[in-house]
PDB file of N, CA and C in Angstrom:
ATOM      1  N   MET A   1       0.836  -1.179   0.000  1.00  0.00           N
ATOM      2  CA  MET A   1       0.000   0.000   0.000  1.00  0.00           C
ATOM      3  C   MET A   1       0.886   1.249   0.000  1.00  0.00           C
ATOM      4  N   HIS A   2       0.490   2.192  -0.798  1.00  0.00           N
ATOM      5  CA  HIS A   2       1.227   3.449  -0.855  1.00  0.00           C
ATOM      6  C   HIS A   2       0.795   4.316   0.324  1.00  0.00           C
ATOM      7  N   PRO A   3       1.743   4.865   1.077  1.00  0.00           N
ATOM      8  CA  PRO A   3       1.407   5.553   2.336  1.00  0.00           C
ATOM      9  C   PRO A   3       0.695   6.893   2.177  1.00  0.00           C
ATOM     10  N   ASN A   4       0.787   7.539   1.050  1.00  0.00           N
ATOM     11  CA  ASN A   4       0.230   8.884   0.907  1.00  0.00           C
ATOM     12  C   ASN A   4      -1.077   8.942   0.131  1.00  0.00           C
ATOM     13  N   LEU A   5      -1.736   7.826  -0.068  1.00  0.00           N
ATOM     14  CA  LEU A   5      -2.985   7.805  -0.822  1.00  0.00           C
ATOM     15  C   LEU A   5      -4.175   7.640   0.105  1.00  0.00           C
ATOM     16  N   ASP A   6      -5.231   8.382  -0.188  1.00  0.00           N
ATOM     17  CA  ASP A   6      -6.486   8.228   0.524  1.00  0.00           C
ATOM     18  C   ASP A   6      -7.523   7.750  -0.487  1.00  0.00           C
ATOM     19  N   VAL A   7      -7.580   6.452  -0.693  1.00  0.00           N
ATOM     20  CA  VAL A   7      -8.468   5.896  -1.708  1.00  0.00           C
ATOM     21  C   VAL A   7      -9.914   5.799  -1.239  1.00  0.00           C
ATOM     22  N   LYS A   8     -10.136   5.854   0.049  1.00  0.00           N
ATOM     23  CA  LYS A   8     -11.499   5.743   0.586  1.00  0.00           C
ATOM     24  C   LYS A   8     -12.358   6.936   0.192  1.00  0.00           C
ATOM     25  N   SER A   9     -11.736   8.081  -0.064  1.00  0.00           N
ATOM     26  CA  SER A   9     -12.498   9.274  -0.409  1.00  0.00           C
ATOM     27  C   SER A   9     -12.856   9.332  -1.893  1.00  0.00           C
ATOM     28  N   LEU A  10     -12.298   8.427  -2.707  1.00  0.00           N
ATOM     29  CA  LEU A  10     -12.561   8.407  -4.149  1.00  0.00           C
ATOM     30  C   LEU A  10     -13.713   7.468  -4.483  1.00  0.00           C
ATOM     31  N   THR A  11     -14.422   7.793  -5.553  1.00  0.00           N
ATOM     32  CA  THR A  11     -15.466   6.888  -6.022  1.00  0.00           C
ATOM     33  C   THR A  11     -14.808   5.771  -6.833  1.00  0.00           C
ATOM     34  N   THR A  12     -15.554   4.734  -7.077  1.00  0.00           N
ATOM     35  CA  THR A  12     -15.028   3.607  -7.848  1.00  0.00           C
ATOM     36  C   THR A  12     -14.652   4.033  -9.255  1.00  0.00           C
ATOM     37  N   SER A  13     -15.481   4.845  -9.882  1.00  0.00           N
ATOM     38  CA  SER A  13     -15.169   5.282 -11.247  1.00  0.00           C
ATOM     39  C   SER A  13     -13.926   6.176 -11.278  1.00  0.00           C
ATOM     40  N   GLU A  14     -13.713   6.982 -10.247  1.00  0.00           N
ATOM     41  CA  GLU A  14     -12.510   7.814 -10.182  1.00  0.00           C
ATOM     42  C   GLU A  14     -11.267   6.938 -10.060  1.00  0.00           C
ATOM     43  N   ILE A  15     -11.363   5.900  -9.257  1.00  0.00           N
ATOM     44  CA  ILE A  15     -10.220   4.980  -9.111  1.00  0.00           C
ATOM     45  C   ILE A  15      -9.934   4.278 -10.431  1.00  0.00           C
ATOM     46  N   GLU A  16     -10.979   3.829 -11.116  1.00  0.00           N
ATOM     47  CA  GLU A  16     -10.789   3.156 -12.399  1.00  0.00           C
ATOM     48  C   GLU A  16     -10.129   4.081 -13.422  1.00  0.00           C
ATOM     49  N   GLN A  17     -10.538   5.342 -13.431  1.00  0.00           N
ATOM     50  CA  GLN A  17      -9.927   6.316 -14.344  1.00  0.00           C
ATOM     51  C   GLN A  17      -8.457   6.535 -14.009  1.00  0.00           C
ATOM     52  N   LYS A  18      -8.150   6.619 -12.735  1.00  0.00           N
ATOM     53  CA  LYS A  18      -6.765   6.817 -12.310  1.00  0.00           C
ATOM     54  C   LYS A  18      -5.900   5.609 -12.679  1.00  0.00           C
ATOM     55  N   VAL A  19      -6.457   4.418 -12.555  1.00  0.00           N
ATOM     56  CA  VAL A  19      -5.715   3.214 -12.931  1.00  0.00           C
ATOM     57  C   VAL A  19      -5.396   3.242 -14.420  1.00  0.00           C
ATOM     58  N   LYS A  20      -6.376   3.567 -15.247  1.00  0.00           N
ATOM     59  CA  LYS A  20      -6.141   3.629 -16.695  1.00  0.00           C
ATOM     60  C   LYS A  20      -5.072   4.661 -17.044  1.00  0.00           C
ATOM     61  N   LYS A  21      -5.164   5.819 -16.407  1.00  0.00           N
ATOM     62  CA  LYS A  21      -4.203   6.883 -16.687  1.00  0.00           C
ATOM     63  C   LYS A  21      -2.794   6.484 -16.258  1.00  0.00           C
ATOM     64  N   LEU A  22      -2.673   5.911 -15.064  1.00  0.00           N
ATOM     65  CA  LEU A  22      -1.357   5.498 -14.581  1.00  0.00           C
ATOM     66  C   LEU A  22      -0.766   4.373 -15.422  1.00  0.00           C
ATOM     67  N   GLU A  23      -1.607   3.440 -15.845  1.00  0.00           N
ATOM     68  CA  GLU A  23      -1.102   2.345 -16.679  1.00  0.00           C
ATOM     69  C   GLU A  23      -0.559   2.871 -17.999  1.00  0.00           C
ATOM     70  N   SER A  24      -1.225   3.857 -18.577  1.00  0.00           N
ATOM     71  CA  SER A  24      -0.725   4.416 -19.834  1.00  0.00           C
ATOM     72  C   SER A  24       0.544   5.238 -19.612  1.00  0.00           C
ATOM     73  N   MET A  25       0.625   5.947 -18.492  1.00  0.00           N
ATOM     74  CA  MET A  25       1.808   6.756 -18.189  1.00  0.00           C
ATOM     75  C   MET A  25       3.008   5.893 -17.818  1.00  0.00           C
ATOM     76  N   TYR A  26       2.766   4.713 -17.289  1.00  0.00           N
ATOM     77  CA  TYR A  26       3.846   3.825 -16.862  1.00  0.00           C
ATOM     78  C   TYR A  26       4.795   3.510 -18.016  1.00  0.00           C
ATOM     79  N   PHE A  27       4.237   3.267 -19.189  1.00  0.00           N
ATOM     80  CA  PHE A  27       5.061   2.868 -20.324  1.00  0.00           C
ATOM     81  C   PHE A  27       5.738   4.063 -21.006  1.00  0.00           C
ATOM     82  N   VAL A  28       5.338   5.264 -20.654  1.00  0.00           N
ATOM     83  CA  VAL A  28       5.936   6.453 -21.251  1.00  0.00           C
ATOM     84  C   VAL A  28       7.237   6.843 -20.556  1.00  0.00           C
ATOM     85  N   THR A  29       7.284   6.644 -19.254  1.00  0.00           N
ATOM     86  CA  THR A  29       8.461   7.076 -18.498  1.00  0.00           C
ATOM     87  C   THR A  29       9.566   6.016 -18.540  1.00  0.00           C
ATOM     88  N   ALA A  30      10.783   6.502 -18.542  1.00  0.00           N
ATOM     89  CA  ALA A  30      11.938   5.603 -18.527  1.00  0.00           C
ATOM     90  C   ALA A  30      12.613   5.591 -17.162  1.00  0.00           C
ATOM     91  N   ASN A  31      12.156   6.424 -16.248  1.00  0.00           N
ATOM     92  CA  ASN A  31      12.742   6.550 -14.922  1.00  0.00           C
ATOM     93  C   ASN A  31      12.241   5.394 -14.041  1.00  0.00           C
ATOM     94  N   GLU A  32      13.170   4.550 -13.625  1.00  0.00           N
ATOM     95  CA  GLU A  32      12.807   3.361 -12.850  1.00  0.00           C
ATOM     96  C   GLU A  32      12.254   3.710 -11.465  1.00  0.00           C
ATOM     97  N   ASP A  33      12.755   4.774 -10.859  1.00  0.00           N
ATOM     98  CA  ASP A  33      12.240   5.173  -9.547  1.00  0.00           C
ATOM     99  C   ASP A  33      10.779   5.613  -9.641  1.00  0.00           C
ATOM    100  N   VAL A  34      10.477   6.350 -10.678  1.00  0.00           N
ATOM    101  CA  VAL A  34       9.092   6.783 -10.896  1.00  0.00           C
ATOM    102  C   VAL A  34       8.212   5.573 -11.182  1.00  0.00           C
ATOM    103  N   ARG A  35       8.726   4.642 -11.962  1.00  0.00           N
ATOM    104  CA  ARG A  35       7.953   3.429 -12.270  1.00  0.00           C
ATOM    105  C   ARG A  35       7.626   2.634 -11.003  1.00  0.00           C
ATOM    106  N   ARG A  36       8.572   2.535 -10.092  1.00  0.00           N
ATOM    107  CA  ARG A  36       8.327   1.811  -8.839  1.00  0.00           C
ATOM    108  C   ARG A  36       7.223   2.483  -8.025  1.00  0.00           C
ATOM    109  N   GLN A  37       7.244   3.801  -7.969  1.00  0.00           N
ATOM    110  CA  GLN A  37       6.195   4.531  -7.255  1.00  0.00           C
ATOM    111  C   GLN A  37       4.845   4.344  -7.932  1.00  0.00           C
ATOM    112  N   MET A  38       4.851   4.333  -9.250  1.00  0.00           N
ATOM    113  CA  MET A  38       3.605   4.130  -9.993  1.00  0.00           C
ATOM    114  C   MET A  38       3.036   2.739  -9.723  1.00  0.00           C
ATOM    115  N   ILE A  39       3.906   1.758  -9.638  1.00  0.00           N
ATOM    116  CA  ILE A  39       3.457   0.399  -9.347  1.00  0.00           C
ATOM    117  C   ILE A  39       2.828   0.329  -7.960  1.00  0.00           C
ATOM    118  N   LEU A  40       3.436   0.991  -6.983  1.00  0.00           N
ATOM    119  CA  LEU A  40       2.856   1.018  -5.640  1.00  0.00           C
ATOM    120  C   LEU A  40       1.469   1.653  -5.644  1.00  0.00           C
ATOM    121  N   ILE A  41       1.341   2.758  -6.362  1.00  0.00           N
ATOM    122  CA  ILE A  41       0.048   3.436  -6.437  1.00  0.00           C
ATOM    123  C   ILE A  41      -0.970   2.569  -7.166  1.00  0.00           C
ATOM    124  N   LEU A  42      -0.566   1.973  -8.264  1.00  0.00           N
ATOM    125  CA  LEU A  42      -1.469   1.090  -9.019  1.00  0.00           C
ATOM    126  C   LEU A  42      -1.929  -0.081  -8.161  1.00  0.00           C
ATOM    127  N   ASP A  43      -1.017  -0.674  -7.443  1.00  0.00           N
ATOM    128  CA  ASP A  43      -1.389  -1.791  -6.572  1.00  0.00           C
ATOM    129  C   ASP A  43      -2.396  -1.356  -5.509  1.00  0.00           C
ATOM    130  N   THR A  44      -2.187  -0.182  -4.941  1.00  0.00           N
ATOM    131  CA  THR A  44      -3.105   0.331  -3.928  1.00  0.00           C
ATOM    132  C   THR A  44      -4.493   0.531  -4.517  1.00  0.00           C
ATOM    133  N   TYR A  45      -4.559   1.140  -5.692  1.00  0.00           N
ATOM    134  CA  TYR A  45      -5.855   1.351  -6.353  1.00  0.00           C
ATOM    135  C   TYR A  45      -6.529   0.025  -6.689  1.00  0.00           C
ATOM    136  N   LYS A  46      -5.764  -0.917  -7.212  1.00  0.00           N
ATOM    137  CA  LYS A  46      -6.347  -2.198  -7.613  1.00  0.00           C
ATOM    138  C   LYS A  46      -6.839  -3.000  -6.412  1.00  0.00           C
ATOM    139  N   ILE A  47      -6.113  -2.941  -5.319  1.00  0.00           N
ATOM    140  CA  ILE A  47      -6.559  -3.622  -4.097  1.00  0.00           C
ATOM    141  C   ILE A  47      -7.866  -3.021  -3.608  1.00  0.00           C
ATOM    142  N   GLU A  48      -7.951  -1.697  -3.632  1.00  0.00           N
ATOM    143  CA  GLU A  48      -9.185  -1.035  -3.202  1.00  0.00           C
ATOM    144  C   GLU A  48     -10.360  -1.414  -4.107  1.00  0.00           C
ATOM    145  N   LEU A  49     -10.131  -1.452  -5.413  1.00  0.00           N
ATOM    146  CA  LEU A  49     -11.189  -1.863  -6.340  1.00  0.00           C
ATOM    147  C   LEU A  49     -11.645  -3.288  -6.062  1.00  0.00           C
ATOM    148  N   GLN A  50     -10.699  -4.166  -5.828  1.00  0.00           N
ATOM    149  CA  GLN A  50     -11.034  -5.556  -5.541  1.00  0.00           C
ATOM    150  C   GLN A  50     -11.838  -5.670  -4.246  1.00  0.00           C
ATOM    151  N   GLU A  51     -11.436  -4.941  -3.225  1.00  0.00           N
ATOM    152  CA  GLU A  51     -12.163  -4.974  -1.958  1.00  0.00           C
ATOM    153  C   GLU A  51     -13.582  -4.447  -2.121  1.00  0.00           C
ATOM    154  N   ARG A  52     -13.743  -3.385  -2.903  1.00  0.00           N
ATOM    155  CA  ARG A  52     -15.080  -2.832  -3.132  1.00  0.00           C
ATOM    156  C   ARG A  52     -15.962  -3.805  -3.901  1.00  0.00           C
ATOM    157  N   ARG A  53     -15.392  -4.459  -4.899  1.00  0.00           N
ATOM    158  CA  ARG A  53     -16.173  -5.431  -5.685  1.00  0.00           C
ATOM    159  C   ARG A  53     -16.578  -6.627  -4.837  1.00  0.00           C
ATOM    160  N   LEU A  54     -15.675  -7.089  -3.979  1.00  0.00           N
ATOM    161  CA  LEU A  54     -16.015  -8.199  -3.085  1.00  0.00           C
ATOM    162  C   LEU A  54     -17.117  -7.805  -2.110  1.00  0.00           C
ATOM    163  N   GLU A  55     -17.036  -6.595  -1.592  1.00  0.00           N
ATOM    164  CA  GLU A  55     -18.066  -6.108  -0.668  1.00  0.00           C
ATOM    165  C   GLU A  55     -19.423  -5.999  -1.366  1.00  0.00           C
ATOM    166  N   ASP A  56     -19.417  -5.505  -2.602  1.00  0.00           N
ATOM    167  CA  ASP A  56     -20.665  -5.425  -3.366  1.00  0.00           C
ATOM    168  C   ASP A  56     -21.239  -6.812  -3.628  1.00  0.00           C
ATOM    169  N   ALA A  57     -20.374  -7.771  -3.950  1.00  0.00           N
ATOM    170  CA  ALA A  57     -20.834  -9.136  -4.200  1.00  0.00           C
ATOM    171  C   ALA A  57     -21.425  -9.753  -2.939  1.00  0.00           C
ATOM    172  N   LYS A  58     -20.799  -9.479  -1.795  1.00  0.00           N
ATOM    173  CA  LYS A  58     -21.329  -9.991  -0.531  1.00  0.00           C
ATOM    174  C   LYS A  58     -22.697  -9.394  -0.228  1.00  0.00           C
ATOM    175  N   LYS A  59     -22.854  -8.105  -0.502  1.00  0.00           N
ATOM    176  CA  LYS A  59     -24.142  -7.455  -0.263  1.00  0.00           C
ATOM    177  C   LYS A  59     -25.223  -8.031  -1.170  1.00  0.00           C
ATOM    178  N   ARG A  60     -24.889  -8.254  -2.443  1.00  0.00           N
ATOM    179  CA  ARG A  60     -25.859  -8.833  -3.384  1.00  0.00           C
ATOM    180  C   ARG A  60     -26.239 -10.241  -2.959  1.00  0.00           C
ATOM    181  N   ALA A  61     -25.266 -11.021  -2.527  1.00  0.00           N
ATOM    182  CA  ALA A  61     -25.543 -12.396  -2.099  1.00  0.00           C
ATOM    183  C   ALA A  61     -26.397 -12.405  -0.834  1.00  0.00           C
ATOM    184  N   LYS A  62     -26.132 -11.484   0.045  1.00  0.00           N
ATOM    185  CA  LYS A  62     -26.899 -11.405   1.294  1.00  0.00           C
ATOM    186  C   LYS A  62     -28.346 -11.000   1.025  1.00  0.00           C
ATOM    187  N   ASN A  63     -28.547 -10.133   0.042  1.00  0.00           N
ATOM    188  CA  ASN A  63     -29.888  -9.681  -0.302  1.00  0.00           C
ATOM    189  C   ASN A  63     -30.612 -10.626  -1.254  1.00  0.00           C
ATOM    190  N   GLY A  64     -29.948 -11.677  -1.669  1.00  0.00           N
ATOM    191  CA  GLY A  64     -30.565 -12.653  -2.565  1.00  0.00           C
ATOM    192  C   GLY A  64     -30.603 -12.219  -4.008  1.00  0.00           C
ATOM    193  N   LYS A  65     -29.846 -11.220  -4.365  1.00  0.00           N
ATOM    194  CA  LYS A  65     -29.840 -10.723  -5.743  1.00  0.00           C
ATOM    195  C   LYS A  65     -28.745 -11.373  -6.580  1.00  0.00           C
ATOM    196  N   ASP A  66     -28.096 -12.352  -6.045  1.00  0.00           N
ATOM    197  CA  ASP A  66     -27.034 -13.041  -6.768  1.00  0.00           C
ATOM    198  C   ASP A  66     -27.547 -14.364  -7.329  1.00  0.00           C
ATOM    199  N   ASP A  67     -28.825 -14.442  -7.535  1.00  0.00           N
ATOM    200  CA  ASP A  67     -29.472 -15.665  -7.981  1.00  0.00           C
ATOM    201  C   ASP A  67     -29.406 -15.766  -9.502  1.00  0.00           C
ATOM    202  N   LEU A  68     -29.046 -16.923 -10.007  1.00  0.00           N
ATOM    203  CA  LEU A  68     -28.936 -17.138 -11.446  1.00  0.00           C
ATOM    204  C   LEU A  68     -30.219 -17.675 -12.066  1.00  0.00           C
ATOM    205  N   ASP A  69     -31.222 -17.966 -11.260  1.00  0.00           N
ATOM    206  CA  ASP A  69     -32.460 -18.525 -11.781  1.00  0.00           C
ATOM    207  C   ASP A  69     -33.135 -17.617 -12.786  1.00  0.00           C
ATOM    208  N   GLU A  70     -33.060 -16.319 -12.589  1.00  0.00           N
ATOM    209  CA  GLU A  70     -33.704 -15.386 -13.495  1.00  0.00           C
ATOM    210  C   GLU A  70     -32.933 -15.227 -14.798  1.00  0.00           C
ATOM    211  N   LEU A  71     -31.669 -15.594 -14.818  1.00  0.00           N
ATOM    212  CA  LEU A  71     -30.880 -15.486 -16.036  1.00  0.00           C
ATOM    213  C   LEU A  71     -31.086 -16.648 -16.990  1.00  0.00           C
ATOM    214  N   ILE A  72     -31.431 -17.777 -16.459  1.00  0.00           N
ATOM    215  CA  ILE A  72     -31.603 -18.975 -17.268  1.00  0.00           C
ATOM    216  C   ILE A  72     -33.092 -19.304 -17.331  1.00  0.00           C
ATOM    217  N   LYS A  73     -33.656 -19.176 -18.514  1.00  0.00           N
ATOM    218  CA  LYS A  73     -35.081 -19.441 -18.689  1.00  0.00           C
ATOM    219  C   LYS A  73     -35.235 -20.631 -19.623  1.00  0.00           C
ATOM    220  N   ILE A  74     -35.881 -21.647 -19.118  1.00  0.00           N
ATOM    221  CA  ILE A  74     -36.127 -22.845 -19.907  1.00  0.00           C
ATOM    222  C   ILE A  74     -37.621 -22.919 -20.170  1.00  0.00           C
ATOM    223  N   SER A  75     -37.979 -23.015 -21.449  1.00  0.00           N
ATOM    224  CA  SER A  75     -39.415 -23.087 -21.772  1.00  0.00           C
ATOM    225  C   SER A  75     -39.745 -24.328 -22.543  1.00  0.00           C
TER     226      SER A  75
END
């Protein structure tokens, strides 16, 4: 985790945009120190996204909205 990031205050879409931007900038720079910092930031963002998605999945499963019966219709 990168020590200077506050990812909790960002929305999911903001984090996704930042990940895309950082991934594209990563290949532009040749400075290895900057690349290492970018990797730390990217990892922090990706971990937060994963945690949010898992939490959303748990909420859907708890509410019974994770049911596949409505997706598969046999007639």
